[in-house]
Amino acid sequence: MSAILECRELTKQFSQRLALSKIDLSLERGKIIGLLGPNGSGKSTLIKLANGLLTPTAGEIRIAGMPPGVETKKIVAYLPERTYLSDWMTVGDVLNYFGDFYENFSLEKARDMLDRLGIDIKDRLKTMSKGTKEKVQLILVMSREAELYLLDEPIGGVDPAARDYILNTIITNYNENATVVISTHLIYDIEKVLEEVVFLNEGQVALRMTVDEIREQKGTSVDALFREVFRC
């Protein structure tokens, strides 16, 4: 099966800071992959490059064989680290916005997930807690029939009970032929859903293994291996 995301000597520099340095990486379809590393390791930069929000300084990145752009945005569903929805909007407004903007957005799937959470489409975002807003954003992203889901810190700002809901939403609502990339520092919480991990450190790939390989070859958990590699 062809790769959904490929990087060849991908480099990104901001002024005097090198965020990514000559990364070679290929992510296959049909996987849930953890993009893990300490703060400043290049995780968000890589995700933004894949989503076309940044351009490489050198090297290249391809999504389904294409450079990031208008065509790749049709098959990439991106959840940024920060809330981006306008507070004046109702949930219904946001659903209509996504429905107009993305051909692969399933209004039926979104309504079903919102109903299970007890969120009314008439509710305004400004009345919601941060955790509820993040659930709404995740529902919007996971209601698209995308080929690549890029989730930047999807559980960073919510309580432990909400994390379980979010992880279950990710598992049950993505196409089995698609790939989900989850960037986070809360490794213990997401380890149970991961099939593969990529450790980034100082803009380079420090380790790439499946979760099964880590358990069988290293005899440890992903979280414990991360702490060992990064001494945290």
C-alpha atoms as a PDB file:
ATOM      1  CA  MET A   1       0.000   0.000   0.000  1.00  0.00           C
ATOM      2  CA  SER A   2       1.387   3.419  -0.949  1.00  0.00           C
ATOM      3  CA  ALA A   3       2.507   5.898   1.683  1.00  0.00           C
ATOM      4  CA  ILE A   4       0.120   8.691   2.650  1.00  0.00           C
ATOM      5  CA  LEU A   5       2.907  10.991   3.912  1.00  0.00           C
ATOM      6  CA  GLU A   6       6.519  11.118   2.735  1.00  0.00           C
ATOM      7  CA  CYS A   7       9.381  13.394   3.741  1.00  0.00           C
ATOM      8  CA  ARG A   8      12.716  13.523   1.944  1.00  0.00           C
ATOM      9  CA  GLU A   9      15.485  15.497   3.646  1.00  0.00           C
ATOM     10  CA  LEU A  10      12.737  17.788   4.951  1.00  0.00           C
ATOM     11  CA  THR A  11      14.219  20.865   6.607  1.00  0.00           C
ATOM     12  CA  LYS A  12      12.567  23.893   8.191  1.00  0.00           C
ATOM     13  CA  GLN A  13      14.452  26.835   9.646  1.00  0.00           C
ATOM     14  CA  PHE A  14      13.011  29.833  11.464  1.00  0.00           C
ATOM     15  CA  SER A  15      15.543  32.675  11.483  1.00  0.00           C
ATOM     16  CA  GLN A  16      18.428  31.206  13.497  1.00  0.00           C
ATOM     17  CA  ARG A  17      16.492  28.182  14.825  1.00  0.00           C
ATOM     18  CA  LEU A  18      16.488  24.869  12.970  1.00  0.00           C
ATOM     19  CA  ALA A  19      13.103  23.269  13.659  1.00  0.00           C
ATOM     20  CA  LEU A  20      13.491  20.219  11.377  1.00  0.00           C
ATOM     21  CA  SER A  21      16.738  18.890   9.919  1.00  0.00           C
ATOM     22  CA  LYS A  22      16.831  16.600   6.859  1.00  0.00           C
ATOM     23  CA  ILE A  23      14.004  14.316   7.952  1.00  0.00           C
ATOM     24  CA  ASP A  24      13.376  11.172   5.921  1.00  0.00           C
ATOM     25  CA  LEU A  25      10.051   9.626   6.873  1.00  0.00           C
ATOM     26  CA  SER A  26       7.327   7.550   5.223  1.00  0.00           C
ATOM     27  CA  LEU A  27       3.969   6.874   6.892  1.00  0.00           C
ATOM     28  CA  GLU A  28       1.775   4.107   5.507  1.00  0.00           C
ATOM     29  CA  ARG A  29      -1.993   4.113   5.207  1.00  0.00           C
ATOM     30  CA  GLY A  30      -4.242   2.443   7.756  1.00  0.00           C
ATOM     31  CA  LYS A  31      -2.251   3.282  10.907  1.00  0.00           C
ATOM     32  CA  ILE A  32      -2.680   5.229  14.133  1.00  0.00           C
ATOM     33  CA  ILE A  33       0.721   6.790  14.711  1.00  0.00           C
ATOM     34  CA  GLY A  34       2.057   8.736  17.659  1.00  0.00           C
ATOM     35  CA  LEU A  35       4.297  11.680  16.787  1.00  0.00           C
ATOM     36  CA  LEU A  36       6.084  12.089  20.094  1.00  0.00           C
ATOM     37  CA  GLY A  37       8.814  14.281  21.480  1.00  0.00           C
ATOM     38  CA  PRO A  38       9.612  16.964  24.051  1.00  0.00           C
ATOM     39  CA  ASN A  39       8.578  20.577  23.564  1.00  0.00           C
ATOM     40  CA  GLY A  40      10.487  22.156  20.691  1.00  0.00           C
ATOM     41  CA  SER A  41      11.277  18.844  19.023  1.00  0.00           C
ATOM     42  CA  GLY A  42       9.517  19.786  15.759  1.00  0.00           C
ATOM     43  CA  LYS A  43       6.180  17.961  16.084  1.00  0.00           C
ATOM     44  CA  SER A  44       3.893  20.917  15.370  1.00  0.00           C
ATOM     45  CA  THR A  45       6.217  22.185  12.641  1.00  0.00           C
ATOM     46  CA  LEU A  46       6.001  18.841  10.823  1.00  0.00           C
ATOM     47  CA  ILE A  47       2.211  18.803  11.113  1.00  0.00           C
ATOM     48  CA  LYS A  48       1.928  22.372   9.821  1.00  0.00           C
ATOM     49  CA  LEU A  49       4.191  21.535   6.872  1.00  0.00           C
ATOM     50  CA  ALA A  50       1.992  18.530   6.054  1.00  0.00           C
ATOM     51  CA  ASN A  51      -1.075  20.740   6.206  1.00  0.00           C
ATOM     52  CA  GLY A  52       0.434  23.387   3.944  1.00  0.00           C
ATOM     53  CA  LEU A  53       0.563  26.079   6.637  1.00  0.00           C
ATOM     54  CA  LEU A  54       4.353  26.287   6.352  1.00  0.00           C
ATOM     55  CA  THR A  55       6.696  25.732   3.416  1.00  0.00           C
ATOM     56  CA  PRO A  56       9.961  23.753   3.668  1.00  0.00           C
ATOM     57  CA  THR A  57      13.297  25.537   3.775  1.00  0.00           C
ATOM     58  CA  ALA A  58      14.795  22.548   1.949  1.00  0.00           C
ATOM     59  CA  GLY A  59      13.801  19.014   0.992  1.00  0.00           C
ATOM     60  CA  GLU A  60      10.226  18.012   0.268  1.00  0.00           C
ATOM     61  CA  ILE A  61       7.048  16.667   1.787  1.00  0.00           C
ATOM     62  CA  ARG A  62       4.324  14.794  -0.122  1.00  0.00           C
ATOM     63  CA  ILE A  63       0.758  13.875   0.814  1.00  0.00           C
ATOM     64  CA  ALA A  64      -0.529  10.964  -1.292  1.00  0.00           C
ATOM     65  CA  GLY A  65       2.255  11.835  -3.747  1.00  0.00           C
ATOM     66  CA  MET A  66       1.291  15.520  -3.974  1.00  0.00           C
ATOM     67  CA  PRO A  67       2.901  18.620  -2.462  1.00  0.00           C
ATOM     68  CA  PRO A  68       0.678  20.212   0.217  1.00  0.00           C
ATOM     69  CA  GLY A  69      -1.842  22.534  -1.399  1.00  0.00           C
ATOM     70  CA  VAL A  70      -5.445  22.821  -2.527  1.00  0.00           C
ATOM     71  CA  GLU A  71      -5.729  19.172  -3.589  1.00  0.00           C
ATOM     72  CA  THR A  72      -4.231  17.731  -0.392  1.00  0.00           C
ATOM     73  CA  LYS A  73      -6.505  19.851   1.804  1.00  0.00           C
ATOM     74  CA  LYS A  74      -9.378  17.812   0.375  1.00  0.00           C
ATOM     75  CA  ILE A  75      -7.976  14.628   1.920  1.00  0.00           C
ATOM     76  CA  VAL A  76      -6.291  15.963   5.076  1.00  0.00           C
ATOM     77  CA  ALA A  77      -8.281  16.681   8.246  1.00  0.00           C
ATOM     78  CA  TYR A  78      -6.343  18.894  10.658  1.00  0.00           C
ATOM     79  CA  LEU A  79      -6.959  19.560  14.335  1.00  0.00           C
ATOM     80  CA  PRO A  80      -4.724  22.417  15.519  1.00  0.00           C
ATOM     81  CA  GLU A  81      -3.431  22.694  19.058  1.00  0.00           C
ATOM     82  CA  ARG A  82      -5.398  25.872  19.774  1.00  0.00           C
ATOM     83  CA  THR A  83      -9.117  26.572  19.558  1.00  0.00           C
ATOM     84  CA  TYR A  84      -9.871  28.362  16.288  1.00  0.00           C
ATOM     85  CA  LEU A  85     -13.674  28.549  16.188  1.00  0.00           C
ATOM     86  CA  SER A  86     -15.325  31.958  16.716  1.00  0.00           C
ATOM     87  CA  ASP A  87     -17.207  32.327  20.008  1.00  0.00           C
ATOM     88  CA  TRP A  88     -20.186  34.036  18.387  1.00  0.00           C
ATOM     89  CA  MET A  89     -20.985  30.919  16.345  1.00  0.00           C
ATOM     90  CA  THR A  90     -23.486  28.267  17.345  1.00  0.00           C
ATOM     91  CA  VAL A  91     -22.716  24.583  16.878  1.00  0.00           C
ATOM     92  CA  GLY A  92     -25.171  24.628  13.977  1.00  0.00           C
ATOM     93  CA  ASP A  93     -23.253  27.493  12.362  1.00  0.00           C
ATOM     94  CA  VAL A  94     -20.042  25.481  12.586  1.00  0.00           C
ATOM     95  CA  LEU A  95     -21.686  22.372  11.106  1.00  0.00           C
ATOM     96  CA  ASN A  96     -22.967  24.404   8.165  1.00  0.00           C
ATOM     97  CA  TYR A  97     -19.530  25.970   7.685  1.00  0.00           C
ATOM     98  CA  PHE A  98     -17.794  22.593   7.537  1.00  0.00           C
ATOM     99  CA  GLY A  99     -20.547  21.162   5.335  1.00  0.00           C
ATOM    100  CA  ASP A 100     -20.110  24.003   2.835  1.00  0.00           C
ATOM    101  CA  PHE A 101     -16.325  23.871   2.907  1.00  0.00           C
ATOM    102  CA  TYR A 102     -15.624  20.121   2.782  1.00  0.00           C
ATOM    103  CA  GLU A 103     -17.306  17.720   0.371  1.00  0.00           C
ATOM    104  CA  ASN A 104     -16.293  14.771   2.556  1.00  0.00           C
ATOM    105  CA  PHE A 105     -17.919  16.136   5.726  1.00  0.00           C
ATOM    106  CA  SER A 106     -20.681  13.906   7.134  1.00  0.00           C
ATOM    107  CA  LEU A 107     -23.352  15.994   8.845  1.00  0.00           C
ATOM    108  CA  GLU A 108     -25.084  12.810   9.984  1.00  0.00           C
ATOM    109  CA  LYS A 109     -21.950  11.520  11.716  1.00  0.00           C
ATOM    110  CA  ALA A 110     -21.326  14.881  13.388  1.00  0.00           C
ATOM    111  CA  ARG A 111     -24.908  15.163  14.654  1.00  0.00           C
ATOM    112  CA  ASP A 112     -24.777  11.622  16.035  1.00  0.00           C
ATOM    113  CA  MET A 113     -21.604  12.335  18.032  1.00  0.00           C
ATOM    114  CA  LEU A 114     -22.976  15.652  19.286  1.00  0.00           C
ATOM    115  CA  ASP A 115     -26.226  13.990  20.375  1.00  0.00           C
ATOM    116  CA  ARG A 116     -24.300  11.355  22.336  1.00  0.00           C
ATOM    117  CA  LEU A 117     -22.521  14.169  24.175  1.00  0.00           C
ATOM    118  CA  GLY A 118     -25.737  16.061  24.820  1.00  0.00           C
ATOM    119  CA  ILE A 119     -24.551  19.111  22.861  1.00  0.00           C
ATOM    120  CA  ASP A 120     -27.386  21.079  21.259  1.00  0.00           C
ATOM    121  CA  ILE A 121     -26.724  22.581  17.817  1.00  0.00           C
ATOM    122  CA  LYS A 122     -28.266  25.829  19.138  1.00  0.00           C
ATOM    123  CA  ASP A 123     -25.562  26.145  21.817  1.00  0.00           C
ATOM    124  CA  ARG A 124     -23.137  29.023  21.336  1.00  0.00           C
ATOM    125  CA  LEU A 125     -19.438  28.288  21.626  1.00  0.00           C
ATOM    126  CA  LYS A 126     -18.925  31.181  24.056  1.00  0.00           C
ATOM    127  CA  THR A 127     -21.092  29.366  26.612  1.00  0.00           C
ATOM    128  CA  MET A 128     -18.985  26.189  26.492  1.00  0.00           C
ATOM    129  CA  SER A 129     -16.075  25.072  28.613  1.00  0.00           C
ATOM    130  CA  LYS A 130     -12.676  24.671  26.972  1.00  0.00           C
ATOM    131  CA  GLY A 131     -13.051  20.882  27.103  1.00  0.00           C
ATOM    132  CA  THR A 132     -16.436  20.937  25.370  1.00  0.00           C
ATOM    133  CA  LYS A 133     -15.128  23.255  22.645  1.00  0.00           C
ATOM    134  CA  GLU A 134     -12.248  20.851  22.028  1.00  0.00           C
ATOM    135  CA  LYS A 135     -14.700  17.951  21.766  1.00  0.00           C
ATOM    136  CA  VAL A 136     -16.720  19.905  19.177  1.00  0.00           C
ATOM    137  CA  GLN A 137     -13.563  20.620  17.175  1.00  0.00           C
ATOM    138  CA  LEU A 138     -12.549  16.968  17.259  1.00  0.00           C
ATOM    139  CA  ILE A 139     -16.037  15.881  16.163  1.00  0.00           C
ATOM    140  CA  LEU A 140     -15.812  18.250  13.198  1.00  0.00           C
ATOM    141  CA  VAL A 141     -12.448  16.816  12.153  1.00  0.00           C
ATOM    142  CA  MET A 142     -13.424  13.165  12.652  1.00  0.00           C
ATOM    143  CA  SER A 143     -16.695  13.661  10.731  1.00  0.00           C
ATOM    144  CA  ARG A 144     -14.714  14.055   7.528  1.00  0.00           C
ATOM    145  CA  GLU A 145     -13.953  11.005   5.374  1.00  0.00           C
ATOM    146  CA  ALA A 146     -10.313  12.000   5.106  1.00  0.00           C
ATOM    147  CA  GLU A 147      -7.255   9.973   4.132  1.00  0.00           C
ATOM    148  CA  LEU A 148      -4.951  11.608   6.681  1.00  0.00           C
ATOM    149  CA  TYR A 149      -5.928  12.989  10.080  1.00  0.00           C
ATOM    150  CA  LEU A 150      -3.389  15.306  11.734  1.00  0.00           C
ATOM    151  CA  LEU A 151      -4.251  15.837  15.401  1.00  0.00           C
ATOM    152  CA  ASP A 152      -2.025  18.256  17.318  1.00  0.00           C
ATOM    153  CA  GLU A 153      -2.416  17.770  21.092  1.00  0.00           C
ATOM    154  CA  PRO A 154      -6.050  16.559  20.902  1.00  0.00           C
ATOM    155  CA  ILE A 155      -6.200  15.724  24.628  1.00  0.00           C
ATOM    156  CA  GLY A 156      -3.910  18.411  26.028  1.00  0.00           C
ATOM    157  CA  GLY A 157      -6.508  20.676  27.612  1.00  0.00           C
ATOM    158  CA  VAL A 158      -9.189  18.289  28.835  1.00  0.00           C
ATOM    159  CA  ASP A 159      -9.787  16.244  31.971  1.00  0.00           C
ATOM    160  CA  PRO A 160      -9.009  12.476  32.136  1.00  0.00           C
ATOM    161  CA  ALA A 161     -12.651  11.427  31.590  1.00  0.00           C
ATOM    162  CA  ALA A 162     -12.857  13.585  28.470  1.00  0.00           C
ATOM    163  CA  ARG A 163      -9.590  12.082  27.209  1.00  0.00           C
ATOM    164  CA  ASP A 164     -11.165   8.637  27.145  1.00  0.00           C
ATOM    165  CA  TYR A 165     -14.087   9.963  25.113  1.00  0.00           C
ATOM    166  CA  ILE A 166     -11.771  11.717  22.671  1.00  0.00           C
ATOM    167  CA  LEU A 167      -9.594   8.636  22.148  1.00  0.00           C
ATOM    168  CA  ASN A 168     -12.655   6.459  21.616  1.00  0.00           C
ATOM    169  CA  THR A 169     -13.971   9.005  19.090  1.00  0.00           C
ATOM    170  CA  ILE A 170     -10.698   8.825  17.182  1.00  0.00           C
ATOM    171  CA  ILE A 171     -10.692   5.020  17.120  1.00  0.00           C
ATOM    172  CA  THR A 172     -14.299   4.557  16.078  1.00  0.00           C
ATOM    173  CA  ASN A 173     -14.701   7.336  13.534  1.00  0.00           C
ATOM    174  CA  TYR A 174     -11.807   7.110  11.131  1.00  0.00           C
ATOM    175  CA  ASN A 175     -11.650   5.222   7.866  1.00  0.00           C
ATOM    176  CA  GLU A 176      -9.609   2.003   8.273  1.00  0.00           C
ATOM    177  CA  ASN A 177      -7.652   2.864   5.121  1.00  0.00           C
ATOM    178  CA  ALA A 178      -6.769   6.298   6.497  1.00  0.00           C
ATOM    179  CA  THR A 179      -3.892   7.237   8.774  1.00  0.00           C
ATOM    180  CA  VAL A 180      -4.199   9.148  12.040  1.00  0.00           C
ATOM    181  CA  VAL A 181      -1.164  11.043  13.327  1.00  0.00           C
ATOM    182  CA  ILE A 182      -1.472  12.131  16.965  1.00  0.00           C
ATOM    183  CA  SER A 183       1.045  14.611  18.328  1.00  0.00           C
ATOM    184  CA  THR A 184       1.108  14.781  22.125  1.00  0.00           C
ATOM    185  CA  HIS A 185       3.251  14.773  25.230  1.00  0.00           C
ATOM    186  CA  LEU A 186       0.612  12.814  27.210  1.00  0.00           C
ATOM    187  CA  ILE A 187       1.960   9.464  26.066  1.00  0.00           C
ATOM    188  CA  TYR A 188       0.582   7.312  28.855  1.00  0.00           C
ATOM    189  CA  ASP A 189      -2.963   8.384  27.974  1.00  0.00           C
ATOM    190  CA  ILE A 190      -2.789   7.636  24.250  1.00  0.00           C
ATOM    191  CA  GLU A 191      -0.481   4.617  24.205  1.00  0.00           C
ATOM    192  CA  LYS A 192      -3.389   2.166  24.161  1.00  0.00           C
ATOM    193  CA  VAL A 193      -4.627   3.430  20.767  1.00  0.00           C
ATOM    194  CA  LEU A 194      -1.259   3.636  18.977  1.00  0.00           C
ATOM    195  CA  GLU A 195       0.102   1.110  16.497  1.00  0.00           C
ATOM    196  CA  GLU A 196       3.366   2.871  15.756  1.00  0.00           C
ATOM    197  CA  VAL A 197       5.460   5.723  17.166  1.00  0.00           C
ATOM    198  CA  VAL A 198       7.894   8.264  15.782  1.00  0.00           C
ATOM    199  CA  PHE A 199      10.099  10.008  18.350  1.00  0.00           C
ATOM    200  CA  LEU A 200      11.344  13.440  17.316  1.00  0.00           C
ATOM    201  CA  ASN A 201      14.228  15.155  19.069  1.00  0.00           C
ATOM    202  CA  GLU A 202      15.785  18.480  18.100  1.00  0.00           C
ATOM    203  CA  GLY A 203      14.224  18.322  14.655  1.00  0.00           C
ATOM    204  CA  GLN A 204      15.314  14.791  13.800  1.00  0.00           C
ATOM    205  CA  VAL A 205      13.811  11.305  13.978  1.00  0.00           C
ATOM    206  CA  ALA A 206      15.274   9.717  17.115  1.00  0.00           C
ATOM    207  CA  LEU A 207      13.303   6.447  16.932  1.00  0.00           C
ATOM    208  CA  ARG A 208      10.708   4.742  14.737  1.00  0.00           C
ATOM    209  CA  MET A 209       9.088   1.491  15.921  1.00  0.00           C
ATOM    210  CA  THR A 210       5.743  -0.246  16.170  1.00  0.00           C
ATOM    211  CA  VAL A 211       4.230  -0.490  19.627  1.00  0.00           C
ATOM    212  CA  ASP A 212       4.485  -4.289  19.442  1.00  0.00           C
ATOM    213  CA  GLU A 213       8.206  -4.049  18.644  1.00  0.00           C
ATOM    214  CA  ILE A 214       8.752  -1.804  21.654  1.00  0.00           C
ATOM    215  CA  ARG A 215       7.015  -4.266  23.951  1.00  0.00           C
ATOM    216  CA  GLU A 216       8.679  -7.364  22.476  1.00  0.00           C
ATOM    217  CA  GLN A 217      12.206  -6.056  21.821  1.00  0.00           C
ATOM    218  CA  LYS A 218      12.532  -3.465  24.563  1.00  0.00           C
ATOM    219  CA  GLY A 219      10.302  -5.157  27.113  1.00  0.00           C
ATOM    220  CA  THR A 220       8.733  -1.882  28.120  1.00  0.00           C
ATOM    221  CA  SER A 221       5.886   0.524  27.408  1.00  0.00           C
ATOM    222  CA  VAL A 222       5.982   3.441  24.993  1.00  0.00           C
ATOM    223  CA  ASP A 223       5.729   5.862  27.900  1.00  0.00           C
ATOM    224  CA  ALA A 224       8.635   4.235  29.765  1.00  0.00           C
ATOM    225  CA  LEU A 225      10.779   4.123  26.619  1.00  0.00           C
ATOM    226  CA  PHE A 226      10.050   7.790  25.966  1.00  0.00           C
ATOM    227  CA  ARG A 227      11.170   8.685  29.497  1.00  0.00           C
ATOM    228  CA  GLU A 228      14.320   6.634  29.014  1.00  0.00           C
ATOM    229  CA  VAL A 229      15.193   8.177  25.642  1.00  0.00           C
ATOM    230  CA  PHE A 230      14.517  11.734  26.739  1.00  0.00           C
ATOM    231  CA  ARG A 231      15.443  11.328  30.427  1.00  0.00           C
ATOM    232  CA  CYS A 232      12.240  12.869  31.669  1.00  0.00           C
END
